[in-house]
Amino acid sequence: MPHVTVFRPESNPVYQVGGKSFVFFRTPRPNAVDPDTGERWEDVIVIWVASEGDKLALLQDDRLPFFTTPHFDGHPSVLVRASRAGEIDRDELVEIVEEAWLAQASARRGRVWLEERQVR
């Protein structure tokens, strides 16, 4: 993706476009834990979405391992554990990340990128 920078504030990468995060790896938090052991998950990835409707579509698709927590209520993002990302079809995951980039990129950057892809 064009104009992407990777920021590493504490070792977990944060992928940004134009200074806006669109994918980042969370540090373990008390609101994302193993239901059996209570241990904090160390592999939670946050992926931006364009709208609440997009968020709900991903969360309600039983094929996909996306989830959310009350901390992210009203936030345009979904969560997924890195250990479960392999359950998502590669092409679908690429599309989800591209949509996350588009949700955070400027309108001009998004338009140019989409136009360049149509030409190829």
C-alpha atoms as a PDB file:
ATOM      1  CA  MET A   1       0.000   0.000   0.000  1.00  0.00           C
ATOM      2  CA  PRO A   2       1.351   3.451  -0.843  1.00  0.00           C
ATOM      3  CA  HIS A   3       2.272   6.062   1.777  1.00  0.00           C
ATOM      4  CA  VAL A   4       2.367   3.486   4.579  1.00  0.00           C
ATOM      5  CA  THR A   5       4.664   4.019   7.508  1.00  0.00           C
ATOM      6  CA  VAL A   6       5.298   1.561  10.305  1.00  0.00           C
ATOM      7  CA  PHE A   7       5.556   3.089  13.741  1.00  0.00           C
ATOM      8  CA  ARG A   8       6.896   0.988  16.624  1.00  0.00           C
ATOM      9  CA  PRO A   9       6.096   2.803  19.861  1.00  0.00           C
ATOM     10  CA  GLU A  10       6.764  -0.159  22.195  1.00  0.00           C
ATOM     11  CA  SER A  11       7.697  -2.942  19.766  1.00  0.00           C
ATOM     12  CA  ASN A  12       4.215  -3.685  18.459  1.00  0.00           C
ATOM     13  CA  PRO A  13       3.908  -2.292  14.939  1.00  0.00           C
ATOM     14  CA  VAL A  14       1.362   0.359  14.032  1.00  0.00           C
ATOM     15  CA  TYR A  15       0.665   0.712  10.311  1.00  0.00           C
ATOM     16  CA  GLN A  16      -0.310   4.244   9.347  1.00  0.00           C
ATOM     17  CA  VAL A  17      -1.236   6.215   6.259  1.00  0.00           C
ATOM     18  CA  GLY A  18      -0.942   9.969   6.477  1.00  0.00           C
ATOM     19  CA  GLY A  19      -0.297   9.681  10.215  1.00  0.00           C
ATOM     20  CA  LYS A  20      -3.538   7.726  10.789  1.00  0.00           C
ATOM     21  CA  SER A  21      -3.444   4.143  12.062  1.00  0.00           C
ATOM     22  CA  PHE A  22      -5.286   1.527  10.038  1.00  0.00           C
ATOM     23  CA  VAL A  23      -3.797  -1.706  11.474  1.00  0.00           C
ATOM     24  CA  PHE A  24      -2.037  -2.064  14.789  1.00  0.00           C
ATOM     25  CA  PHE A  25      -0.979  -4.765  17.192  1.00  0.00           C
ATOM     26  CA  ARG A  26      -2.228  -4.109  20.714  1.00  0.00           C
ATOM     27  CA  THR A  27      -0.336  -4.626  23.883  1.00  0.00           C
ATOM     28  CA  PRO A  28      -2.095  -7.115  26.191  1.00  0.00           C
ATOM     29  CA  ARG A  29      -5.133  -5.497  27.778  1.00  0.00           C
ATOM     30  CA  PRO A  30      -7.577  -6.662  30.469  1.00  0.00           C
ATOM     31  CA  ASN A  31     -10.532  -6.532  28.067  1.00  0.00           C
ATOM     32  CA  ALA A  32      -9.207  -9.224  25.690  1.00  0.00           C
ATOM     33  CA  VAL A  33      -8.575 -12.400  27.649  1.00  0.00           C
ATOM     34  CA  ASP A  34      -8.696 -16.147  27.293  1.00  0.00           C
ATOM     35  CA  PRO A  35     -12.144 -17.147  28.600  1.00  0.00           C
ATOM     36  CA  ASP A  36     -10.754 -20.319  30.200  1.00  0.00           C
ATOM     37  CA  THR A  37      -7.603 -19.029  31.880  1.00  0.00           C
ATOM     38  CA  GLY A  38      -8.246 -15.296  32.199  1.00  0.00           C
ATOM     39  CA  GLU A  39      -4.821 -14.596  30.696  1.00  0.00           C
ATOM     40  CA  ARG A  40      -4.533 -11.522  28.518  1.00  0.00           C
ATOM     41  CA  TRP A  41      -4.180 -12.253  24.822  1.00  0.00           C
ATOM     42  CA  GLU A  42      -0.851 -10.994  23.545  1.00  0.00           C
ATOM     43  CA  ASP A  43      -1.677 -11.230  19.836  1.00  0.00           C
ATOM     44  CA  VAL A  44      -4.657  -8.920  19.289  1.00  0.00           C
ATOM     45  CA  ILE A  45      -4.666  -6.936  16.053  1.00  0.00           C
ATOM     46  CA  VAL A  46      -6.919  -3.907  15.548  1.00  0.00           C
ATOM     47  CA  ILE A  47      -8.128  -3.308  11.982  1.00  0.00           C
ATOM     48  CA  TRP A  48      -9.951  -0.125  11.000  1.00  0.00           C
ATOM     49  CA  VAL A  49     -13.259  -0.323   9.138  1.00  0.00           C
ATOM     50  CA  ALA A  50     -15.052   2.332   7.109  1.00  0.00           C
ATOM     51  CA  SER A  51     -18.351   2.253   8.987  1.00  0.00           C
ATOM     52  CA  GLU A  52     -20.365   0.683  11.757  1.00  0.00           C
ATOM     53  CA  GLY A  53     -22.147  -1.351   9.074  1.00  0.00           C
ATOM     54  CA  ASP A  54     -18.838  -2.779   7.853  1.00  0.00           C
ATOM     55  CA  LYS A  55     -17.888  -3.582  11.441  1.00  0.00           C
ATOM     56  CA  LEU A  56     -21.161  -5.407  12.070  1.00  0.00           C
ATOM     57  CA  ALA A  57     -20.856  -7.348   8.806  1.00  0.00           C
ATOM     58  CA  LEU A  58     -17.438  -8.678   9.808  1.00  0.00           C
ATOM     59  CA  LEU A  59     -18.502  -9.430  13.379  1.00  0.00           C
ATOM     60  CA  GLN A  60     -21.657 -11.243  12.305  1.00  0.00           C
ATOM     61  CA  ASP A  61     -19.957 -13.413   9.664  1.00  0.00           C
ATOM     62  CA  ASP A  62     -19.625 -16.782  11.425  1.00  0.00           C
ATOM     63  CA  ARG A  63     -16.797 -17.812   9.073  1.00  0.00           C
ATOM     64  CA  LEU A  64     -14.531 -15.057  10.404  1.00  0.00           C
ATOM     65  CA  PRO A  65     -12.725 -14.877  13.769  1.00  0.00           C
ATOM     66  CA  PHE A  66     -13.250 -11.131  14.282  1.00  0.00           C
ATOM     67  CA  PHE A  67     -14.461  -9.869  17.635  1.00  0.00           C
ATOM     68  CA  THR A  68     -14.761  -6.688  19.628  1.00  0.00           C
ATOM     69  CA  THR A  69     -14.785  -5.667  23.268  1.00  0.00           C
ATOM     70  CA  PRO A  70     -16.784  -3.014  25.118  1.00  0.00           C
ATOM     71  CA  HIS A  71     -13.687  -0.776  24.959  1.00  0.00           C
ATOM     72  CA  PHE A  72     -14.194  -0.611  21.178  1.00  0.00           C
ATOM     73  CA  ASP A  73     -17.937   0.081  21.233  1.00  0.00           C
ATOM     74  CA  GLY A  74     -18.562   2.913  18.807  1.00  0.00           C
ATOM     75  CA  HIS A  75     -14.998   2.679  17.454  1.00  0.00           C
ATOM     76  CA  PRO A  76     -14.653   1.930  13.718  1.00  0.00           C
ATOM     77  CA  SER A  77     -12.545  -1.188  14.093  1.00  0.00           C
ATOM     78  CA  VAL A  78     -12.611  -4.935  14.588  1.00  0.00           C
ATOM     79  CA  LEU A  79     -10.222  -7.145  16.509  1.00  0.00           C
ATOM     80  CA  VAL A  80      -8.663 -10.448  15.544  1.00  0.00           C
ATOM     81  CA  ARG A  81      -6.047 -12.594  17.211  1.00  0.00           C
ATOM     82  CA  ALA A  82      -2.938 -13.102  15.087  1.00  0.00           C
ATOM     83  CA  SER A  83      -3.102 -16.790  15.967  1.00  0.00           C
ATOM     84  CA  ARG A  84      -6.474 -16.973  14.193  1.00  0.00           C
ATOM     85  CA  ALA A  85      -5.726 -14.771  11.173  1.00  0.00           C
ATOM     86  CA  GLY A  86      -4.974 -17.921   9.156  1.00  0.00           C
ATOM     87  CA  GLU A  87      -8.676 -18.767   9.369  1.00  0.00           C
ATOM     88  CA  ILE A  88      -9.401 -15.844   7.032  1.00  0.00           C
ATOM     89  CA  ASP A  89      -9.061 -16.476   3.311  1.00  0.00           C
ATOM     90  CA  ARG A  90      -5.957 -14.630   2.085  1.00  0.00           C
ATOM     91  CA  ASP A  91      -7.811 -12.666  -0.603  1.00  0.00           C
ATOM     92  CA  GLU A  92     -10.479 -11.661   1.891  1.00  0.00           C
ATOM     93  CA  LEU A  93      -7.863 -10.547   4.412  1.00  0.00           C
ATOM     94  CA  VAL A  94      -6.101  -8.501   1.724  1.00  0.00           C
ATOM     95  CA  GLU A  95      -9.420  -6.827   0.901  1.00  0.00           C
ATOM     96  CA  ILE A  96     -10.094  -6.083   4.581  1.00  0.00           C
ATOM     97  CA  VAL A  97      -6.654  -4.488   5.018  1.00  0.00           C
ATOM     98  CA  GLU A  98      -7.067  -2.507   1.793  1.00  0.00           C
ATOM     99  CA  GLU A  99     -10.436  -1.249   3.040  1.00  0.00           C
ATOM    100  CA  ALA A 100      -8.796  -0.292   6.347  1.00  0.00           C
ATOM    101  CA  TRP A 101      -6.179   1.687   4.439  1.00  0.00           C
ATOM    102  CA  LEU A 102      -8.877   3.390   2.353  1.00  0.00           C
ATOM    103  CA  ALA A 103     -10.840   4.258   5.512  1.00  0.00           C
ATOM    104  CA  GLN A 104      -7.861   6.193   6.869  1.00  0.00           C
ATOM    105  CA  ALA A 105      -6.160   7.508   3.714  1.00  0.00           C
ATOM    106  CA  SER A 106      -7.001  10.949   2.412  1.00  0.00           C
ATOM    107  CA  ALA A 107      -9.693  11.035  -0.259  1.00  0.00           C
ATOM    108  CA  ARG A 108      -7.089  12.046  -2.868  1.00  0.00           C
ATOM    109  CA  ARG A 109      -4.692   9.216  -1.978  1.00  0.00           C
ATOM    110  CA  GLY A 110      -7.520   6.715  -1.989  1.00  0.00           C
ATOM    111  CA  ARG A 111      -8.822   7.920  -5.349  1.00  0.00           C
ATOM    112  CA  VAL A 112      -5.350   7.849  -6.955  1.00  0.00           C
ATOM    113  CA  TRP A 113      -4.632   4.365  -5.620  1.00  0.00           C
ATOM    114  CA  LEU A 114      -7.959   3.005  -6.844  1.00  0.00           C
ATOM    115  CA  GLU A 115      -7.461   4.597 -10.281  1.00  0.00           C
ATOM    116  CA  GLU A 116      -3.950   3.110 -10.571  1.00  0.00           C
ATOM    117  CA  ARG A 117      -5.277  -0.346  -9.768  1.00  0.00           C
ATOM    118  CA  GLN A 118      -7.920  -0.122 -12.505  1.00  0.00           C
ATOM    119  CA  VAL A 119      -5.285   0.717 -15.109  1.00  0.00           C
ATOM    120  CA  ARG A 120      -3.197  -2.375 -14.367  1.00  0.00           C
END
